[in-house]
Structures are given as structure tokens and as C-alpha cells.
Amino acid sequence: MRKLTALATCAALLVATSAWAGVWKEAHPLKAAAGSKAESHLTEGMEHYEMGHWDVAKKHFTAGEQADPQSAEAHYDLALALDKTGDHSGATTHFQKAHDLGKANAAIHDSEILKKHLKM
């Protein structure tokens, strides 16, 4: 009986975890548009971001944003790094710029973290 109860509990936990999997989806940096002056900076930053090197990623994303201030992806990526390093005010500022500049980018407009920062 105990085995059956334990199995039922595990099954229930698995179902509950699967149902919530989409809610806890981690946001990832975006590649720069082809030909953008931010492209190499964002590529380098993405590698560090995925390794959890938030401060190093932030430096690369900042360089990308400075190289191409009109890059929605550069602002978005910088906002992600700022959020990870605890600068939520700075993240909100760059999420807003990404939102304004990236009207055609569904990945930006569908981003849950962006929506949370912009209270959408």
C-alpha cells in the first residue's frame, strides 16, 4: 500500500510540474539582426550569459547597445543581464527601449520577463 501511495504521489508531482513548466521558462538573450554593429558583441555576451557570467555578459551587451543604439535585441539582452545582476530599474529602462524599437520582433513582445518589468 505504501508503494502505491508513493507512486501516486510521484505521478501527481510529475503532472503538476509539467503543467507549470511553461511558467518557469527561462528567458534567453537574442541574436542581433544580421549586419548590426552589435552582432559580435551580442554573440560574445550570449556565450557568457548562458554560462551564468552575468557581469561579463552585461559588459558585452552594453558594448552592443553602444555600437548600435537602435538594436532592440541589444537593449533586450542588456535588460536580461541587468535583471540578473539585480539592477531592476536599469532592466526596466532597457526592456522599454527593446519594446519600443522591436515592434516586429515577436520574441521581444512575447517575453514574460519584459511584460513583468513593464507591468503589461
C-alpha atoms as a PDB file:
ATOM      1  CA  MET A   1       0.000   0.000   0.000  1.00  0.00           C
ATOM      2  CA  ARG A   2       2.839   2.395   0.840  1.00  0.00           C
ATOM      3  CA  LYS A   3       4.434   1.773  -2.559  1.00  0.00           C
ATOM      4  CA  LEU A   4       1.151   2.529  -4.287  1.00  0.00           C
ATOM      5  CA  THR A   5       0.740   5.761  -2.312  1.00  0.00           C
ATOM      6  CA  ALA A   6       4.316   6.794  -3.076  1.00  0.00           C
ATOM      7  CA  LEU A   7       3.810   6.077  -6.782  1.00  0.00           C
ATOM      8  CA  ALA A   8       0.576   8.054  -6.833  1.00  0.00           C
ATOM      9  CA  THR A   9       2.300  10.988  -5.112  1.00  0.00           C
ATOM     10  CA  CYS A  10       5.183  10.903  -7.610  1.00  0.00           C
ATOM     11  CA  ALA A  11       2.750  10.760 -10.530  1.00  0.00           C
ATOM     12  CA  ALA A  12       0.800  13.722  -9.168  1.00  0.00           C
ATOM     13  CA  LEU A  13       4.013  15.704  -8.713  1.00  0.00           C
ATOM     14  CA  LEU A  14       5.114  14.913 -12.259  1.00  0.00           C
ATOM     15  CA  VAL A  15       1.792  16.090 -13.697  1.00  0.00           C
ATOM     16  CA  ALA A  16       1.854  19.274 -11.620  1.00  0.00           C
ATOM     17  CA  THR A  17       5.441  20.008 -12.614  1.00  0.00           C
ATOM     18  CA  SER A  18       4.651  19.506 -16.296  1.00  0.00           C
ATOM     19  CA  ALA A  19       1.693  21.864 -16.114  1.00  0.00           C
ATOM     20  CA  TRP A  20       3.863  24.628 -14.649  1.00  0.00           C
ATOM     21  CA  ALA A  21       6.875  24.092 -16.908  1.00  0.00           C
ATOM     22  CA  GLY A  22       5.926  26.952 -19.244  1.00  0.00           C
ATOM     23  CA  VAL A  23       5.501  29.401 -16.387  1.00  0.00           C
ATOM     24  CA  TRP A  24       9.102  28.986 -15.226  1.00  0.00           C
ATOM     25  CA  LYS A  25      10.624  29.166 -18.696  1.00  0.00           C
ATOM     26  CA  GLU A  26      13.966  30.961 -18.573  1.00  0.00           C
ATOM     27  CA  ALA A  27      14.449  33.967 -20.845  1.00  0.00           C
ATOM     28  CA  HIS A  28      17.444  33.824 -23.177  1.00  0.00           C
ATOM     29  CA  PRO A  29      19.312  36.587 -24.994  1.00  0.00           C
ATOM     30  CA  LEU A  30      18.513  37.262 -28.631  1.00  0.00           C
ATOM     31  CA  LYS A  31      20.844  37.407 -31.616  1.00  0.00           C
ATOM     32  CA  ALA A  32      21.368  40.775 -33.265  1.00  0.00           C
ATOM     33  CA  ALA A  33      19.892  41.402 -36.666  1.00  0.00           C
ATOM     34  CA  ALA A  34      22.262  40.427 -39.466  1.00  0.00           C
ATOM     35  CA  GLY A  35      24.587  43.291 -40.286  1.00  0.00           C
ATOM     36  CA  SER A  36      24.027  45.082 -36.987  1.00  0.00           C
ATOM     37  CA  LYS A  37      27.123  46.675 -35.474  1.00  0.00           C
ATOM     38  CA  ALA A  38      26.068  44.970 -32.229  1.00  0.00           C
ATOM     39  CA  GLU A  39      26.268  41.461 -33.703  1.00  0.00           C
ATOM     40  CA  SER A  40      29.704  40.378 -32.447  1.00  0.00           C
ATOM     41  CA  HIS A  41      29.154  41.949 -29.017  1.00  0.00           C
ATOM     42  CA  LEU A  42      25.829  40.182 -28.536  1.00  0.00           C
ATOM     43  CA  THR A  43      27.232  36.853 -29.698  1.00  0.00           C
ATOM     44  CA  GLU A  44      30.038  37.084 -27.142  1.00  0.00           C
ATOM     45  CA  GLY A  45      27.624  38.236 -24.450  1.00  0.00           C
ATOM     46  CA  MET A  46      25.248  35.357 -25.149  1.00  0.00           C
ATOM     47  CA  GLU A  47      28.007  32.826 -24.512  1.00  0.00           C
ATOM     48  CA  HIS A  48      28.794  34.359 -21.129  1.00  0.00           C
ATOM     49  CA  TYR A  49      25.113  34.773 -20.245  1.00  0.00           C
ATOM     50  CA  GLU A  50      24.426  31.077 -20.851  1.00  0.00           C
ATOM     51  CA  MET A  51      27.374  30.206 -18.564  1.00  0.00           C
ATOM     52  CA  GLY A  52      25.989  32.427 -15.806  1.00  0.00           C
ATOM     53  CA  HIS A  53      28.693  35.082 -16.145  1.00  0.00           C
ATOM     54  CA  TRP A  54      26.165  37.913 -15.758  1.00  0.00           C
ATOM     55  CA  ASP A  55      28.659  40.769 -15.256  1.00  0.00           C
ATOM     56  CA  VAL A  56      30.778  39.769 -18.252  1.00  0.00           C
ATOM     57  CA  ALA A  57      27.657  39.341 -20.390  1.00  0.00           C
ATOM     58  CA  LYS A  58      26.469  42.779 -19.254  1.00  0.00           C
ATOM     59  CA  LYS A  59      29.738  44.359 -20.480  1.00  0.00           C
ATOM     60  CA  HIS A  60      29.344  42.769 -23.918  1.00  0.00           C
ATOM     61  CA  PHE A  61      25.651  43.682 -24.161  1.00  0.00           C
ATOM     62  CA  THR A  62      26.470  47.260 -23.131  1.00  0.00           C
ATOM     63  CA  ALA A  63      29.084  47.415 -25.886  1.00  0.00           C
ATOM     64  CA  GLY A  64      26.483  46.071 -28.313  1.00  0.00           C
ATOM     65  CA  GLU A  65      23.933  48.676 -27.284  1.00  0.00           C
ATOM     66  CA  GLN A  66      26.547  51.410 -27.685  1.00  0.00           C
ATOM     67  CA  ALA A  67      27.618  50.092 -31.105  1.00  0.00           C
ATOM     68  CA  ASP A  68      24.010  50.001 -32.336  1.00  0.00           C
ATOM     69  CA  PRO A  69      21.658  52.051 -30.121  1.00  0.00           C
ATOM     70  CA  GLN A  70      18.742  51.201 -32.449  1.00  0.00           C
ATOM     71  CA  SER A  71      19.125  47.448 -31.869  1.00  0.00           C
ATOM     72  CA  ALA A  72      16.099  46.186 -29.977  1.00  0.00           C
ATOM     73  CA  GLU A  73      17.927  42.922 -29.340  1.00  0.00           C
ATOM     74  CA  ALA A  74      20.896  44.725 -27.759  1.00  0.00           C
ATOM     75  CA  HIS A  75      18.570  46.556 -25.363  1.00  0.00           C
ATOM     76  CA  TYR A  76      16.688  43.336 -24.604  1.00  0.00           C
ATOM     77  CA  ASP A  77      19.868  41.378 -23.904  1.00  0.00           C
ATOM     78  CA  LEU A  78      21.269  44.154 -21.741  1.00  0.00           C
ATOM     79  CA  ALA A  79      17.990  44.248 -19.813  1.00  0.00           C
ATOM     80  CA  LEU A  80      18.248  40.497 -19.137  1.00  0.00           C
ATOM     81  CA  ALA A  81      21.783  40.882 -17.788  1.00  0.00           C
ATOM     82  CA  LEU A  82      20.807  43.901 -15.683  1.00  0.00           C
ATOM     83  CA  ASP A  83      17.918  41.913 -14.222  1.00  0.00           C
ATOM     84  CA  LYS A  84      20.253  39.037 -13.360  1.00  0.00           C
ATOM     85  CA  THR A  85      22.676  41.396 -11.614  1.00  0.00           C
ATOM     86  CA  GLY A  86      19.895  42.996  -9.570  1.00  0.00           C
ATOM     87  CA  ASP A  87      19.588  46.315 -11.419  1.00  0.00           C
ATOM     88  CA  HIS A  88      15.845  46.084 -11.971  1.00  0.00           C
ATOM     89  CA  SER A  89      15.403  49.789 -12.677  1.00  0.00           C
ATOM     90  CA  GLY A  90      18.033  49.660 -15.417  1.00  0.00           C
ATOM     91  CA  ALA A  91      16.485  46.463 -16.749  1.00  0.00           C
ATOM     92  CA  THR A  92      13.074  48.126 -16.979  1.00  0.00           C
ATOM     93  CA  THR A  93      14.569  51.063 -18.901  1.00  0.00           C
ATOM     94  CA  HIS A  94      16.187  48.757 -21.470  1.00  0.00           C
ATOM     95  CA  PHE A  95      13.146  46.483 -21.704  1.00  0.00           C
ATOM     96  CA  GLN A  96      11.124  49.609 -22.580  1.00  0.00           C
ATOM     97  CA  LYS A  97      13.617  50.564 -25.302  1.00  0.00           C
ATOM     98  CA  ALA A  98      13.587  46.997 -26.640  1.00  0.00           C
ATOM     99  CA  HIS A  99       9.790  47.079 -26.690  1.00  0.00           C
ATOM    100  CA  ASP A 100       9.702  50.431 -28.494  1.00  0.00           C
ATOM    101  CA  LEU A 101      12.372  49.525 -31.065  1.00  0.00           C
ATOM    102  CA  GLY A 102      11.401  45.896 -31.616  1.00  0.00           C
ATOM    103  CA  LYS A 103       7.797  46.185 -32.683  1.00  0.00           C
ATOM    104  CA  ALA A 104       8.287  43.492 -35.354  1.00  0.00           C
ATOM    105  CA  ASN A 105      10.149  41.089 -33.052  1.00  0.00           C
ATOM    106  CA  ALA A 106       7.688  38.592 -31.565  1.00  0.00           C
ATOM    107  CA  ALA A 107      10.324  37.178 -29.194  1.00  0.00           C
ATOM    108  CA  ILE A 108      10.599  40.581 -27.550  1.00  0.00           C
ATOM    109  CA  HIS A 109       6.881  41.325 -27.411  1.00  0.00           C
ATOM    110  CA  ASP A 110       6.011  37.835 -26.137  1.00  0.00           C
ATOM    111  CA  SER A 111       8.702  37.909 -23.435  1.00  0.00           C
ATOM    112  CA  GLU A 112       7.247  37.247 -19.981  1.00  0.00           C
ATOM    113  CA  ILE A 113      10.124  38.981 -18.183  1.00  0.00           C
ATOM    114  CA  LEU A 114       9.691  42.080 -20.356  1.00  0.00           C
ATOM    115  CA  LYS A 115       5.955  42.100 -19.641  1.00  0.00           C
ATOM    116  CA  LYS A 116       6.649  41.757 -15.910  1.00  0.00           C
ATOM    117  CA  HIS A 117       9.068  44.700 -15.891  1.00  0.00           C
ATOM    118  CA  LEU A 118       6.737  46.877 -17.983  1.00  0.00           C
ATOM    119  CA  LYS A 119       3.688  45.795 -15.961  1.00  0.00           C
ATOM    120  CA  MET A 120       1.839  44.584 -19.060  1.00  0.00           C
END
